[in-house]
């Protein structure tokens, strides 16, 4: 099967779009010092609620709104228990991810294998006619465009706005923020909810665009854990995080293409291959940090960074 480079790039952008949204949402949350481990379950619950609402209303827009609200609600639960009440964010996140997963399959069972609305491609006038670039970047659904715009938007917000500075400061030194009249708990709650909303959008992106439909299994299981790994892989930098998402999307796509060339190999191997490859990449980065080879360490620094000092810790105002 011959594939042109523009169509390959376009397919990677589509495959990675939900992962970009989820990973950027988690980046915002972790920059505030909160770790949200409920991503995998939230994506599934967002995919189910988005598909359910879209099917009943015949409106993909309402489906995305429902999915974002679902993700924000899960984030709010984590914010109340893990931030406001000071319980373990890791324990709460684990409990939420399994609860959301089971809820998604239980509540969505009546809608399994049913057809529902899905997003259509919206080629951008004039730009979509540009040779090579038009097919690769300007002939997608709105989800892909939003994911692409979210990358520079998130980066600009974090590093070139006052609110972004406040967000980063809370994750680094909440006591200093409190001394300057900023309530760190309110900031953490806000961005835990916003990050959760973006994760919910990622779920709807699967069920209404990338892998339309709902069923058991849905096909996006494990993506939440990859999104968490990408935040580390990208050093909590939105651009690097997105680059990791596109790398994983490429691995998934290659797995699909390889099934046609290596027909004697069980297709399940190609389906799961991107996950251990991603883990292997993270191990290489960790080993690179410990290496004394300056050239190797220099390359590794391009794909890593220092986590927020207050990440996962409970803050209690003095």
Protein backbone atom coordinates (compact mmCIF):
# COMPACT_ATOMS: atom_id res chain seq x y z
CA UNK A 1 0.00 0.00 0.00
CA UNK A 2 1.57 3.25 -1.16
CA UNK A 3 1.09 6.29 1.04
CA UNK A 4 2.08 9.82 0.09
CA UNK A 5 3.95 11.97 2.59
CA UNK A 6 1.16 14.60 2.86
CA UNK A 7 -1.45 11.93 3.61
CA UNK A 8 0.91 10.33 6.15
CA UNK A 9 1.38 13.67 7.93
CA UNK A 10 -2.37 14.28 7.86
CA UNK A 11 -3.05 10.84 9.36
CA UNK A 12 -0.53 11.46 12.15
CA UNK A 13 -2.19 14.78 13.01
CA UNK A 14 -5.56 13.03 13.22
CA UNK A 15 -4.31 10.13 15.34
CA UNK A 16 -2.49 12.42 17.76
CA UNK A 17 -5.16 15.13 18.14
CA UNK A 18 -6.94 13.63 21.21
CA UNK A 19 -3.62 12.81 22.83
CA UNK A 20 -2.40 16.39 22.32
CA UNK A 21 -5.51 17.77 24.05
CA UNK A 22 -5.24 15.36 26.98
CA UNK A 23 -1.50 15.86 27.46
CA UNK A 24 -1.76 19.67 27.30
CA UNK A 25 -4.60 19.60 29.81
CA UNK A 26 -2.48 17.52 32.18
CA UNK A 27 0.46 19.87 31.61
CA UNK A 28 -1.60 22.82 32.86
CA UNK A 29 -2.74 20.82 35.89
CA UNK A 30 0.74 19.62 36.81
CA UNK A 31 2.24 23.08 36.30
CA UNK A 32 -0.02 24.14 39.17
CA UNK A 33 1.45 21.38 41.33
CA UNK A 34 -1.41 18.88 41.07
CA UNK A 35 -0.97 15.40 39.60
CA UNK A 36 -4.11 13.93 38.03
CA UNK A 37 -3.95 10.18 37.47
CA UNK A 38 -7.58 9.87 36.41
CA UNK A 39 -6.86 10.64 32.73
CA UNK A 40 -7.46 7.17 31.34
CA UNK A 41 -10.87 6.82 32.95
CA UNK A 42 -11.77 10.43 32.21
CA UNK A 43 -11.06 9.94 28.49
CA UNK A 44 -13.35 6.90 28.40
CA UNK A 45 -16.11 8.66 30.35
CA UNK A 46 -15.76 11.73 28.13
CA UNK A 47 -15.93 9.55 25.01
CA UNK A 48 -19.09 7.88 26.30
CA UNK A 49 -20.87 11.03 27.46
CA UNK A 50 -19.92 12.89 24.30
CA UNK A 51 -21.22 10.10 22.07
CA UNK A 52 -24.38 9.66 24.15
CA UNK A 53 -25.32 13.36 24.10
CA UNK A 54 -24.39 13.73 20.43
CA UNK A 55 -26.51 10.70 19.53
CA UNK A 56 -29.55 11.93 21.45
CA UNK A 57 -29.29 15.54 20.27
CA UNK A 58 -27.82 14.81 16.82
CA UNK A 59 -25.33 17.59 17.57
CA UNK A 60 -21.62 16.89 17.73
CA UNK A 61 -21.11 20.32 19.34
CA UNK A 62 -23.34 19.40 22.28
CA UNK A 63 -21.45 16.13 22.52
CA UNK A 64 -18.14 17.95 22.89
CA UNK A 65 -19.65 20.31 25.48
CA UNK A 66 -20.94 17.31 27.45
CA UNK A 67 -17.55 15.59 27.29
CA UNK A 68 -15.72 18.72 28.45
CA UNK A 69 -18.20 19.13 31.31
CA UNK A 70 -17.68 15.48 32.27
CA UNK A 71 -13.92 15.88 32.34
CA UNK A 72 -14.19 19.13 34.31
CA UNK A 73 -16.47 17.39 36.84
CA UNK A 74 -13.95 14.59 37.36
CA UNK A 75 -11.25 17.22 37.78
CA UNK A 76 -13.45 19.03 40.31
CA UNK A 77 -13.76 15.84 42.38
CA UNK A 78 -9.98 15.50 42.44
CA UNK A 79 -9.64 19.20 43.28
CA UNK A 80 -12.02 18.96 46.24
CA UNK A 81 -10.62 15.75 47.72
CA UNK A 82 -6.97 16.01 46.71
CA UNK A 83 -6.45 19.77 46.93
CA UNK A 84 -9.03 21.23 49.29
CA UNK A 85 -9.24 18.28 51.70
CA UNK A 86 -5.56 17.47 51.37
CA UNK A 87 -5.89 13.75 50.62
CA UNK A 88 -3.40 11.83 48.48
CA UNK A 89 -3.72 13.04 44.89
CA UNK A 90 -2.24 9.80 43.62
CA UNK A 91 -4.73 7.62 45.51
CA UNK A 92 -7.70 9.76 44.50
CA UNK A 93 -6.57 9.77 40.86
CA UNK A 94 -6.24 5.99 40.76
CA UNK A 95 -9.69 5.53 42.31
CA UNK A 96 -11.25 7.98 39.86
CA UNK A 97 -9.74 6.39 36.77
CA UNK A 98 -11.19 2.97 37.59
CA UNK A 99 -14.52 4.44 38.68
CA UNK A 100 -14.82 6.48 35.47
CA UNK A 101 -13.88 3.51 33.32
CA UNK A 102 -16.52 1.25 34.86
CA UNK A 103 -19.14 4.01 34.75
CA UNK A 104 -18.39 4.64 31.08
CA UNK A 105 -18.93 1.02 30.08
CA UNK A 106 -21.96 0.56 32.35
CA UNK A 107 -23.81 3.74 31.38
CA UNK A 108 -22.80 3.53 27.73
CA UNK A 109 -23.78 -0.12 27.23
CA UNK A 110 -27.19 0.69 25.61
CA UNK A 111 -25.36 2.78 22.98
CA UNK A 112 -22.69 0.23 22.13
CA UNK A 113 -22.17 -0.40 18.40
CA UNK A 114 -24.72 2.22 17.41
CA UNK A 115 -24.12 4.83 14.77
CA UNK A 116 -24.01 8.44 15.87
CA UNK A 117 -23.02 11.82 14.50
CA UNK A 118 -19.39 12.45 13.74
CA UNK A 119 -17.35 15.44 12.69
CA UNK A 120 -16.74 15.99 9.02
CA UNK A 121 -13.62 17.45 7.49
CA UNK A 122 -13.59 21.21 7.02
CA UNK A 123 -10.99 22.13 4.40
CA UNK A 124 -9.83 25.70 4.89
CA UNK A 125 -10.56 27.76 1.75
CA UNK A 126 -7.50 28.64 -0.36
CA UNK A 127 -5.09 27.08 2.14
CA UNK A 128 -6.38 23.57 1.45
CA UNK A 129 -5.46 24.01 -2.22
CA UNK A 130 -1.77 24.60 -1.51
CA UNK A 131 0.28 21.68 -2.87
CA UNK A 132 1.54 19.33 -0.15
CA UNK A 133 0.65 21.66 2.77
CA UNK A 134 -3.04 21.76 1.92
CA UNK A 135 -3.56 18.03 2.23
CA UNK A 136 -1.24 17.69 5.20
CA UNK A 137 -2.42 20.56 7.41
CA UNK A 138 -5.54 22.29 6.11
CA UNK A 139 -8.01 19.51 5.25
CA UNK A 140 -9.07 18.24 8.67
CA UNK A 141 -11.94 18.28 11.12
CA UNK A 142 -12.23 21.04 13.70
CA UNK A 143 -10.70 18.76 16.36
CA UNK A 144 -7.36 18.65 14.55
CA UNK A 145 -7.33 22.43 14.06
CA UNK A 146 -8.11 22.98 17.76
CA UNK A 147 -5.33 20.61 18.82
CA UNK A 148 -2.84 22.40 16.57
CA UNK A 149 -3.83 25.84 17.85
CA UNK A 150 -3.79 24.61 21.45
CA UNK A 151 -0.03 24.05 21.31
CA UNK A 152 1.12 27.65 20.71
CA UNK A 153 -1.85 28.90 22.74
CA UNK A 154 -0.84 26.87 25.78
CA UNK A 155 2.83 27.83 25.41
CA UNK A 156 2.01 31.53 25.08
CA UNK A 157 -0.32 31.40 28.07
CA UNK A 158 2.25 29.73 30.31
CA UNK A 159 5.27 31.83 29.41
CA UNK A 160 3.96 35.17 28.16
CA UNK A 161 0.96 36.06 30.33
CA UNK A 162 0.53 37.13 33.93
CA UNK A 163 -1.93 34.32 34.66
CA UNK A 164 0.54 31.81 33.24
CA UNK A 165 3.24 33.20 35.54
CA UNK A 166 0.89 32.84 38.51
CA UNK A 167 0.13 29.26 37.50
CA UNK A 168 3.81 28.34 37.28
CA UNK A 169 4.61 30.16 40.52
CA UNK A 170 1.98 28.19 42.42
CA UNK A 171 3.53 24.94 41.23
CA UNK A 172 7.00 26.10 42.25
CA UNK A 173 6.46 28.12 45.44
CA UNK A 174 2.91 28.31 46.82
CA UNK A 175 4.13 29.94 50.04
CA UNK A 176 5.62 32.80 48.05
CA UNK A 177 2.34 33.20 46.17
CA UNK A 178 0.39 33.25 49.43
CA UNK A 179 2.68 35.97 50.77
CA UNK A 180 1.91 38.09 47.70
CA UNK A 181 -1.85 37.76 48.15
CA UNK A 182 -2.47 34.88 45.73
CA UNK A 183 -4.47 31.92 47.00
CA UNK A 184 -2.62 28.82 45.71
CA UNK A 185 -5.54 26.51 46.46
CA UNK A 186 -7.90 28.47 44.21
CA UNK A 187 -5.35 28.41 41.40
CA UNK A 188 -4.83 24.66 41.78
CA UNK A 189 -8.56 23.97 41.83
CA UNK A 190 -9.11 26.14 38.74
CA UNK A 191 -6.47 24.47 36.59
CA UNK A 192 -7.35 20.99 37.79
CA UNK A 193 -10.87 21.62 36.50
CA UNK A 194 -9.65 23.23 33.25
CA UNK A 195 -7.17 20.42 32.65
CA UNK A 196 -9.89 17.86 33.31
CA UNK A 197 -12.13 19.61 30.78
CA UNK A 198 -9.44 19.30 28.11
CA UNK A 199 -9.07 15.60 28.91
CA UNK A 200 -12.83 15.21 28.51
CA UNK A 201 -12.59 16.88 25.10
CA UNK A 202 -9.97 14.31 24.16
CA UNK A 203 -12.49 11.57 24.91
CA UNK A 204 -15.10 13.13 22.62
CA UNK A 205 -12.43 13.55 19.95
CA UNK A 206 -12.09 9.77 19.92
CA UNK A 207 -15.78 8.82 19.84
CA UNK A 208 -16.90 11.62 17.50
CA UNK A 209 -13.92 12.07 15.18
CA UNK A 210 -10.88 9.80 15.32
CA UNK A 211 -12.60 6.48 16.14
CA UNK A 212 -16.31 7.30 15.70
CA UNK A 213 -18.71 5.26 17.79
CA UNK A 214 -18.90 3.69 21.21
CA UNK A 215 -18.30 0.12 22.29
CA UNK A 216 -16.44 -2.20 24.63
CA UNK A 217 -13.52 -1.93 24.18
CA UNK A 218 -13.61 1.61 22.90
CA UNK A 219 -10.13 1.66 21.41
CA UNK A 220 -8.69 4.49 23.49
CA UNK A 221 -7.82 2.46 26.59
CA UNK A 222 -4.35 3.24 27.86
CA UNK A 223 -4.15 6.61 26.13
CA UNK A 224 -4.51 8.43 29.45
CA UNK A 225 -1.41 6.73 30.82
CA UNK A 226 0.49 7.64 27.67
CA UNK A 227 -0.62 11.27 28.10
CA UNK A 228 0.78 11.23 31.63
CA UNK A 229 4.05 9.80 30.36
CA UNK A 230 4.21 12.44 27.62
CA UNK A 231 4.04 15.25 30.16
CA UNK A 232 7.20 13.83 31.71
CA UNK A 233 8.69 13.01 28.31
CA UNK A 234 8.13 16.62 27.25
CA UNK A 235 9.55 18.13 30.42
CA UNK A 236 6.28 19.93 31.23
CA UNK A 237 6.79 22.07 28.13
CA UNK A 238 3.70 22.26 25.86
CA UNK A 239 5.69 22.16 22.62
CA UNK A 240 7.75 19.14 23.65
CA UNK A 241 4.69 17.41 25.09
CA UNK A 242 2.88 17.85 21.76
CA UNK A 243 5.95 16.59 19.87
CA UNK A 244 5.83 13.43 21.98
CA UNK A 245 2.13 13.05 21.18
CA UNK A 246 2.82 13.21 17.44
CA UNK A 247 5.65 10.72 17.85
CA UNK A 248 3.26 8.30 19.55
CA UNK A 249 0.64 8.95 16.88
CA UNK A 250 3.23 8.06 14.25
CA UNK A 251 4.01 4.81 16.06
CA UNK A 252 0.31 3.92 16.13
CA UNK A 253 -0.07 4.69 12.45
CA UNK A 254 3.00 2.68 11.47
CA UNK A 255 1.57 -0.24 13.42
CA UNK A 256 -1.54 -0.09 11.24
CA UNK A 257 0.46 0.09 8.01
CA UNK A 258 2.79 -2.73 9.04
CA UNK A 259 -0.17 -5.07 9.45
CA UNK A 260 -0.60 -4.99 5.66
CA UNK A 261 3.06 -5.81 5.01
CA UNK A 262 3.63 -8.45 7.68
CA UNK A 263 0.49 -10.53 7.41
CA UNK A 264 1.98 -13.53 9.23
CA UNK A 265 2.43 -11.52 12.45
CA UNK A 266 -0.66 -11.30 14.70
CA UNK A 267 -2.17 -7.78 14.38
CA UNK A 268 -2.40 -7.48 18.18
CA UNK A 269 1.38 -7.14 18.29
CA UNK A 270 1.28 -4.03 16.13
CA UNK A 271 -1.59 -2.60 18.18
CA UNK A 272 0.30 -2.80 21.48
CA UNK A 273 3.80 -2.11 20.10
CA UNK A 274 3.61 1.72 20.47
CA UNK A 275 3.10 1.42 24.23
CA UNK A 276 6.34 -0.46 25.09
CA UNK A 277 8.21 1.68 22.54
CA UNK A 278 7.04 4.79 24.37
CA UNK A 279 8.11 3.30 27.70
CA UNK A 280 11.48 2.40 26.16
CA UNK A 281 11.93 6.02 25.06
CA UNK A 282 11.27 7.21 28.63
CA UNK A 283 13.83 4.71 29.95
CA UNK A 284 16.41 6.03 27.47
CA UNK A 285 15.78 9.56 28.69
CA UNK A 286 16.25 8.48 32.31
CA UNK A 287 19.48 6.68 31.45
CA UNK A 288 20.66 9.71 29.53
CA UNK A 289 20.26 11.88 32.61
CA UNK A 290 22.56 9.56 34.54
CA UNK A 291 25.12 9.30 31.74
CA UNK A 292 28.45 11.11 31.91
CA UNK A 293 28.54 11.53 28.15
CA UNK A 294 28.05 15.27 27.65
CA UNK A 295 26.88 14.93 24.04
CA UNK A 296 24.25 12.35 25.02
CA UNK A 297 23.16 14.42 28.01
CA UNK A 298 22.85 17.49 25.79
CA UNK A 299 20.49 15.68 23.42
CA UNK A 300 18.47 14.31 26.31
CA UNK A 301 18.00 17.81 27.76
CA UNK A 302 16.11 18.76 24.60
CA UNK A 303 13.38 16.28 25.55
CA UNK A 304 13.22 16.67 29.30
CA UNK A 305 12.81 19.22 32.04
CA UNK A 306 12.47 19.69 35.75
CA UNK A 307 9.08 18.95 37.32
CA UNK A 308 7.33 21.66 39.38
CA UNK A 309 8.75 21.59 42.91
CA UNK A 310 5.32 21.29 44.52
CA UNK A 311 4.02 18.57 42.20
CA UNK A 312 1.77 16.15 44.06
CA UNK A 313 2.25 17.80 47.44
CA UNK A 314 -0.55 19.05 49.67
CA UNK A 315 -0.44 22.76 50.40
CA UNK A 316 -1.88 24.10 53.64
CA UNK A 317 -1.80 27.89 54.11
CA UNK A 318 0.02 28.96 57.26
